[in-house]
Amino acid sequence: MEPGGYLTVKTFSNGKDVILAISDQGKGIPPKHMDKMGIPFFTAKDCGTGLGLAVCYKIAARHNAAIDI
């Protein structure tokens, strides 16, 4: 996300579920990468480990949660 962009965090309930919705004004994820999101060590960046979303998916799973991109 470029400097000055917005990051929005919302929480709400949907029946028995609690939703945490996060959005930003970043450039987005190219469609060709969508099926690889959350796979350990996958990154489309020049630097980074590719572990960020993989860790998030693991944390969510341990709390009976899901991540939808």
PDB file of N, CA and C in Angstrom:
ATOM      1  N   MET A   1       0.851  -1.162   0.000  1.00  0.00           N
ATOM      2  CA  MET A   1       0.000   0.000   0.000  1.00  0.00           C
ATOM      3  C   MET A   1       0.901   1.230   0.000  1.00  0.00           C
ATOM      4  N   GLU A   2       0.541   2.191  -0.802  1.00  0.00           N
ATOM      5  CA  GLU A   2       1.296   3.435  -0.894  1.00  0.00           C
ATOM      6  C   GLU A   2       1.123   4.263   0.375  1.00  0.00           C
ATOM      7  N   PRO A   3       2.109   5.087   0.716  1.00  0.00           N
ATOM      8  CA  PRO A   3       1.943   5.980   1.868  1.00  0.00           C
ATOM      9  C   PRO A   3       0.692   6.841   1.707  1.00  0.00           C
ATOM     10  N   GLY A   4      -0.036   7.021   2.788  1.00  0.00           N
ATOM     11  CA  GLY A   4      -1.260   7.816   2.751  1.00  0.00           C
ATOM     12  C   GLY A   4      -2.502   7.006   2.444  1.00  0.00           C
ATOM     13  N   GLY A   5      -2.339   5.713   2.138  1.00  0.00           N
ATOM     14  CA  GLY A   5      -3.490   4.856   1.865  1.00  0.00           C
ATOM     15  C   GLY A   5      -4.221   4.504   3.147  1.00  0.00           C
ATOM     16  N   TYR A   6      -5.402   3.938   3.000  1.00  0.00           N
ATOM     17  CA  TYR A   6      -6.226   3.580   4.148  1.00  0.00           C
ATOM     18  C   TYR A   6      -6.211   2.081   4.396  1.00  0.00           C
ATOM     19  N   LEU A   7      -6.188   1.726   5.664  1.00  0.00           N
ATOM     20  CA  LEU A   7      -6.357   0.353   6.118  1.00  0.00           C
ATOM     21  C   LEU A   7      -7.603   0.363   6.986  1.00  0.00           C
ATOM     22  N   THR A   8      -8.590  -0.449   6.637  1.00  0.00           N
ATOM     23  CA  THR A   8      -9.857  -0.477   7.365  1.00  0.00           C
ATOM     24  C   THR A   8     -10.027  -1.829   8.039  1.00  0.00           C
ATOM     25  N   VAL A   9     -10.361  -1.798   9.318  1.00  0.00           N
ATOM     26  CA  VAL A   9     -10.622  -3.010  10.088  1.00  0.00           C
ATOM     27  C   VAL A   9     -12.033  -2.906  10.648  1.00  0.00           C
ATOM     28  N   LYS A  10     -12.876  -3.903  10.348  1.00  0.00           N
ATOM     29  CA  LYS A  10     -14.258  -3.926  10.833  1.00  0.00           C
ATOM     30  C   LYS A  10     -14.518  -5.263  11.511  1.00  0.00           C
ATOM     31  N   THR A  11     -15.330  -5.240  12.547  1.00  0.00           N
ATOM     32  CA  THR A  11     -15.781  -6.475  13.183  1.00  0.00           C
ATOM     33  C   THR A  11     -17.295  -6.439  13.289  1.00  0.00           C
ATOM     34  N   PHE A  12     -17.912  -7.599  13.105  1.00  0.00           N
ATOM     35  CA  PHE A  12     -19.357  -7.708  13.259  1.00  0.00           C
ATOM     36  C   PHE A  12     -19.722  -9.171  13.453  1.00  0.00           C
ATOM     37  N   SER A  13     -20.939  -9.399  13.904  1.00  0.00           N
ATOM     38  CA  SER A  13     -21.390 -10.778  14.092  1.00  0.00           C
ATOM     39  C   SER A  13     -22.367 -11.147  12.988  1.00  0.00           C
ATOM     40  N   ASN A  14     -22.365 -12.434  12.664  1.00  0.00           N
ATOM     41  CA  ASN A  14     -23.246 -12.980  11.644  1.00  0.00           C
ATOM     42  C   ASN A  14     -23.764 -14.306  12.198  1.00  0.00           C
ATOM     43  N   GLY A  15     -24.858 -14.237  12.941  1.00  0.00           N
ATOM     44  CA  GLY A  15     -25.357 -15.447  13.596  1.00  0.00           C
ATOM     45  C   GLY A  15     -24.398 -15.867  14.687  1.00  0.00           C
ATOM     46  N   LYS A  16     -23.902 -17.095  14.606  1.00  0.00           N
ATOM     47  CA  LYS A  16     -22.960 -17.590  15.609  1.00  0.00           C
ATOM     48  C   LYS A  16     -21.514 -17.238  15.280  1.00  0.00           C
ATOM     49  N   ASP A  17     -21.277 -16.628  14.136  1.00  0.00           N
ATOM     50  CA  ASP A  17     -19.922 -16.298  13.702  1.00  0.00           C
ATOM     51  C   ASP A  17     -19.574 -14.843  14.005  1.00  0.00           C
ATOM     52  N   VAL A  18     -18.298 -14.607  14.239  1.00  0.00           N
ATOM     53  CA  VAL A  18     -17.765 -13.256  14.364  1.00  0.00           C
ATOM     54  C   VAL A  18     -16.880 -13.027  13.147  1.00  0.00           C
ATOM     55  N   ILE A  19     -17.077 -11.909  12.489  1.00  0.00           N
ATOM     56  CA  ILE A  19     -16.339 -11.593  11.267  1.00  0.00           C
ATOM     57  C   ILE A  19     -15.350 -10.473  11.554  1.00  0.00           C
ATOM     58  N   LEU A  20     -14.113 -10.655  11.125  1.00  0.00           N
ATOM     59  CA  LEU A  20     -13.092  -9.618  11.147  1.00  0.00           C
ATOM     60  C   LEU A  20     -12.772  -9.338   9.689  1.00  0.00           C
ATOM     61  N   ALA A  21     -13.129  -8.157   9.214  1.00  0.00           N
ATOM     62  CA  ALA A  21     -12.922  -7.801   7.811  1.00  0.00           C
ATOM     63  C   ALA A  21     -11.834  -6.736   7.728  1.00  0.00           C
ATOM     64  N   ILE A  22     -10.829  -6.983   6.914  1.00  0.00           N
ATOM     65  CA  ILE A  22      -9.715  -6.061   6.749  1.00  0.00           C
ATOM     66  C   ILE A  22      -9.605  -5.726   5.271  1.00  0.00           C
ATOM     67  N   SER A  23      -9.509  -4.440   4.972  1.00  0.00           N
ATOM     68  CA  SER A  23      -9.328  -4.015   3.580  1.00  0.00           C
ATOM     69  C   SER A  23      -8.326  -2.868   3.543  1.00  0.00           C
ATOM     70  N   ASP A  24      -7.695  -2.705   2.390  1.00  0.00           N
ATOM     71  CA  ASP A  24      -6.752  -1.608   2.226  1.00  0.00           C
ATOM     72  C   ASP A  24      -6.835  -1.077   0.806  1.00  0.00           C
ATOM     73  N   GLN A  25      -6.033  -0.071   0.532  1.00  0.00           N
ATOM     74  CA  GLN A  25      -6.002   0.527  -0.792  1.00  0.00           C
ATOM     75  C   GLN A  25      -4.750   0.106  -1.552  1.00  0.00           C
ATOM     76  N   GLY A  26      -4.255  -1.077  -1.251  1.00  0.00           N
ATOM     77  CA  GLY A  26      -3.078  -1.594  -1.939  1.00  0.00           C
ATOM     78  C   GLY A  26      -3.401  -1.956  -3.379  1.00  0.00           C
ATOM     79  N   LYS A  27      -2.389  -2.388  -4.106  1.00  0.00           N
ATOM     80  CA  LYS A  27      -2.569  -2.697  -5.526  1.00  0.00           C
ATOM     81  C   LYS A  27      -3.332  -3.989  -5.766  1.00  0.00           C
ATOM     82  N   GLY A  28      -3.562  -4.761  -4.718  1.00  0.00           N
ATOM     83  CA  GLY A  28      -4.323  -5.998  -4.870  1.00  0.00           C
ATOM     84  C   GLY A  28      -3.436  -7.182  -5.196  1.00  0.00           C
ATOM     85  N   ILE A  29      -4.052  -8.325  -5.277  1.00  0.00           N
ATOM     86  CA  ILE A  29      -3.345  -9.572  -5.552  1.00  0.00           C
ATOM     87  C   ILE A  29      -3.697 -10.007  -6.968  1.00  0.00           C
ATOM     88  N   PRO A  30      -2.700 -10.228  -7.820  1.00  0.00           N
ATOM     89  CA  PRO A  30      -2.995 -10.676  -9.178  1.00  0.00           C
ATOM     90  C   PRO A  30      -3.748 -12.010  -9.152  1.00  0.00           C
ATOM     91  N   PRO A  31      -4.727 -12.182 -10.026  1.00  0.00           N
ATOM     92  CA  PRO A  31      -5.500 -13.429 -10.066  1.00  0.00           C
ATOM     93  C   PRO A  31      -4.628 -14.682 -10.170  1.00  0.00           C
ATOM     94  N   LYS A  32      -3.486 -14.599 -10.856  1.00  0.00           N
ATOM     95  CA  LYS A  32      -2.625 -15.779 -11.017  1.00  0.00           C
ATOM     96  C   LYS A  32      -2.001 -16.235  -9.698  1.00  0.00           C
ATOM     97  N   HIS A  33      -2.010 -15.365  -8.672  1.00  0.00           N
ATOM     98  CA  HIS A  33      -1.439 -15.714  -7.370  1.00  0.00           C
ATOM     99  C   HIS A  33      -2.485 -16.163  -6.355  1.00  0.00           C
ATOM    100  N   MET A  34      -3.755 -15.985  -6.645  1.00  0.00           N
ATOM    101  CA  MET A  34      -4.802 -16.254  -5.654  1.00  0.00           C
ATOM    102  C   MET A  34      -4.783 -17.696  -5.144  1.00  0.00           C
ATOM    103  N   ASP A  35      -4.537 -18.661  -6.011  1.00  0.00           N
ATOM    104  CA  ASP A  35      -4.562 -20.063  -5.572  1.00  0.00           C
ATOM    105  C   ASP A  35      -3.323 -20.450  -4.764  1.00  0.00           C
ATOM    106  N   LYS A  36      -2.328 -19.564  -4.720  1.00  0.00           N
ATOM    107  CA  LYS A  36      -1.104 -19.844  -3.973  1.00  0.00           C
ATOM    108  C   LYS A  36      -1.061 -19.129  -2.624  1.00  0.00           C
ATOM    109  N   MET A  37      -2.057 -18.296  -2.348  1.00  0.00           N
ATOM    110  CA  MET A  37      -2.067 -17.531  -1.104  1.00  0.00           C
ATOM    111  C   MET A  37      -2.124 -18.478   0.089  1.00  0.00           C
ATOM    112  N   GLY A  38      -1.248 -18.271   1.050  1.00  0.00           N
ATOM    113  CA  GLY A  38      -1.215 -19.106   2.244  1.00  0.00           C
ATOM    114  C   GLY A  38      -0.294 -20.303   2.149  1.00  0.00           C
ATOM    115  N   ILE A  39       0.263 -20.559   0.981  1.00  0.00           N
ATOM    116  CA  ILE A  39       1.218 -21.660   0.836  1.00  0.00           C
ATOM    117  C   ILE A  39       2.567 -21.189   1.391  1.00  0.00           C
ATOM    118  N   PRO A  40       3.127 -21.937   2.355  1.00  0.00           N
ATOM    119  CA  PRO A  40       4.399 -21.511   2.942  1.00  0.00           C
ATOM    120  C   PRO A  40       5.478 -21.280   1.886  1.00  0.00           C
ATOM    121  N   PHE A  41       6.193 -20.189   2.049  1.00  0.00           N
ATOM    122  CA  PHE A  41       7.330 -19.773   1.238  1.00  0.00           C
ATOM    123  C   PHE A  41       6.949 -19.244  -0.142  1.00  0.00           C
ATOM    124  N   PHE A  42       5.654 -19.150  -0.460  1.00  0.00           N
ATOM    125  CA  PHE A  42       5.277 -18.498  -1.715  1.00  0.00           C
ATOM    126  C   PHE A  42       5.286 -16.997  -1.490  1.00  0.00           C
ATOM    127  N   THR A  43       5.970 -16.272  -2.349  1.00  0.00           N
ATOM    128  CA  THR A  43       5.946 -14.816  -2.312  1.00  0.00           C
ATOM    129  C   THR A  43       6.066 -14.282  -3.725  1.00  0.00           C
ATOM    130  N   ALA A  44       5.398 -13.183  -3.981  1.00  0.00           N
ATOM    131  CA  ALA A  44       5.511 -12.501  -5.260  1.00  0.00           C
ATOM    132  C   ALA A  44       6.373 -11.249  -5.098  1.00  0.00           C
ATOM    133  N   LYS A  45       6.918 -11.067  -3.907  1.00  0.00           N
ATOM    134  CA  LYS A  45       7.741  -9.894  -3.601  1.00  0.00           C
ATOM    135  C   LYS A  45       9.210 -10.187  -3.871  1.00  0.00           C
ATOM    136  N   ASP A  46       9.985  -9.110  -4.041  1.00  0.00           N
ATOM    137  CA  ASP A  46      11.425  -9.256  -4.231  1.00  0.00           C
ATOM    138  C   ASP A  46      12.117  -9.694  -2.945  1.00  0.00           C
ATOM    139  N   CYS A  47      11.522  -9.337  -1.811  1.00  0.00           N
ATOM    140  CA  CYS A  47      12.080  -9.755  -0.532  1.00  0.00           C
ATOM    141  C   CYS A  47      10.941 -10.273   0.336  1.00  0.00           C
ATOM    142  N   GLY A  48      11.277 -11.034   1.326  1.00  0.00           N
ATOM    143  CA  GLY A  48      10.254 -11.616   2.192  1.00  0.00           C
ATOM    144  C   GLY A  48      10.387 -13.124   2.220  1.00  0.00           C
ATOM    145  N   THR A  49       9.739 -13.731   3.198  1.00  0.00           N
ATOM    146  CA  THR A  49       9.868 -15.176   3.378  1.00  0.00           C
ATOM    147  C   THR A  49       8.696 -15.966   2.819  1.00  0.00           C
ATOM    148  N   GLY A  50       7.573 -15.296   2.583  1.00  0.00           N
ATOM    149  CA  GLY A  50       6.388 -16.024   2.148  1.00  0.00           C
ATOM    150  C   GLY A  50       5.719 -16.774   3.280  1.00  0.00           C
ATOM    151  N   LEU A  51       5.968 -16.346   4.511  1.00  0.00           N
ATOM    152  CA  LEU A  51       5.382 -17.036   5.659  1.00  0.00           C
ATOM    153  C   LEU A  51       4.239 -16.273   6.316  1.00  0.00           C
ATOM    154  N   GLY A  52       4.050 -15.005   5.993  1.00  0.00           N
ATOM    155  CA  GLY A  52       3.043 -14.185   6.663  1.00  0.00           C
ATOM    156  C   GLY A  52       1.644 -14.771   6.630  1.00  0.00           C
ATOM    157  N   LEU A  53       1.098 -14.989   5.452  1.00  0.00           N
ATOM    158  CA  LEU A  53      -0.256 -15.538   5.356  1.00  0.00           C
ATOM    159  C   LEU A  53      -0.308 -17.002   5.765  1.00  0.00           C
ATOM    160  N   ALA A  54       0.771 -17.737   5.550  1.00  0.00           N
ATOM    161  CA  ALA A  54       0.796 -19.138   5.982  1.00  0.00           C
ATOM    162  C   ALA A  54       0.620 -19.220   7.494  1.00  0.00           C
ATOM    163  N   VAL A  55       1.279 -18.335   8.221  1.00  0.00           N
ATOM    164  CA  VAL A  55       1.131 -18.293   9.680  1.00  0.00           C
ATOM    165  C   VAL A  55      -0.286 -17.875  10.048  1.00  0.00           C
ATOM    166  N   CYS A  56      -0.835 -16.887   9.341  1.00  0.00           N
ATOM    167  CA  CYS A  56      -2.210 -16.446   9.609  1.00  0.00           C
ATOM    168  C   CYS A  56      -3.207 -17.583   9.404  1.00  0.00           C
ATOM    169  N   TYR A  57      -3.048 -18.355   8.339  1.00  0.00           N
ATOM    170  CA  TYR A  57      -3.940 -19.489   8.086  1.00  0.00           C
ATOM    171  C   TYR A  57      -3.852 -20.517   9.212  1.00  0.00           C
ATOM    172  N   LYS A  58      -2.643 -20.781   9.706  1.00  0.00           N
ATOM    173  CA  LYS A  58      -2.449 -21.750  10.780  1.00  0.00           C
ATOM    174  C   LYS A  58      -3.092 -21.255  12.073  1.00  0.00           C
ATOM    175  N   ILE A  59      -2.920 -19.978  12.394  1.00  0.00           N
ATOM    176  CA  ILE A  59      -3.544 -19.412  13.597  1.00  0.00           C
ATOM    177  C   ILE A  59      -5.061 -19.490  13.489  1.00  0.00           C
ATOM    178  N   ALA A  60      -5.592 -19.126  12.337  1.00  0.00           N
ATOM    179  CA  ALA A  60      -7.045 -19.176  12.137  1.00  0.00           C
ATOM    180  C   ALA A  60      -7.562 -20.603  12.309  1.00  0.00           C
ATOM    181  N   ALA A  61      -6.875 -21.568  11.718  1.00  0.00           N
ATOM    182  CA  ALA A  61      -7.313 -22.968  11.806  1.00  0.00           C
ATOM    183  C   ALA A  61      -7.333 -23.456  13.255  1.00  0.00           C
ATOM    184  N   ARG A  62      -6.365 -23.047  14.041  1.00  0.00           N
ATOM    185  CA  ARG A  62      -6.310 -23.475  15.449  1.00  0.00           C
ATOM    186  C   ARG A  62      -7.428 -22.865  16.288  1.00  0.00           C
ATOM    187  N   HIS A  63      -8.059 -21.829  15.756  1.00  0.00           N
ATOM    188  CA  HIS A  63      -9.172 -21.184  16.457  1.00  0.00           C
ATOM    189  C   HIS A  63     -10.510 -21.471  15.764  1.00  0.00           C
ATOM    190  N   ASN A  64     -10.533 -22.526  14.937  1.00  0.00           N
ATOM    191  CA  ASN A  64     -11.741 -22.894  14.186  1.00  0.00           C
ATOM    192  C   ASN A  64     -12.262 -21.729  13.361  1.00  0.00           C
ATOM    193  N   ALA A  65     -11.342 -21.002  12.758  1.00  0.00           N
ATOM    194  CA  ALA A  65     -11.689 -19.839  11.940  1.00  0.00           C
ATOM    195  C   ALA A  65     -11.268 -20.102  10.497  1.00  0.00           C
ATOM    196  N   ALA A  66     -11.635 -19.198   9.628  1.00  0.00           N
ATOM    197  CA  ALA A  66     -11.282 -19.314   8.213  1.00  0.00           C
ATOM    198  C   ALA A  66     -10.835 -17.957   7.702  1.00  0.00           C
ATOM    199  N   ILE A  67     -10.007 -17.981   6.677  1.00  0.00           N
ATOM    200  CA  ILE A  67      -9.574 -16.762   6.005  1.00  0.00           C
ATOM    201  C   ILE A  67     -10.097 -16.823   4.586  1.00  0.00           C
ATOM    202  N   ASP A  68     -10.731 -15.749   4.172  1.00  0.00           N
ATOM    203  CA  ASP A  68     -11.279 -15.645   2.816  1.00  0.00           C
ATOM    204  C   ASP A  68     -10.678 -14.403   2.180  1.00  0.00           C
ATOM    205  N   ILE A  69      -9.961 -14.590   1.080  1.00  0.00           N
ATOM    206  CA  ILE A  69      -9.321 -13.458   0.404  1.00  0.00           C
ATOM    207  C   ILE A  69     -10.121 -13.116  -0.834  1.00  0.00           C
TER     208      ILE A  69
END
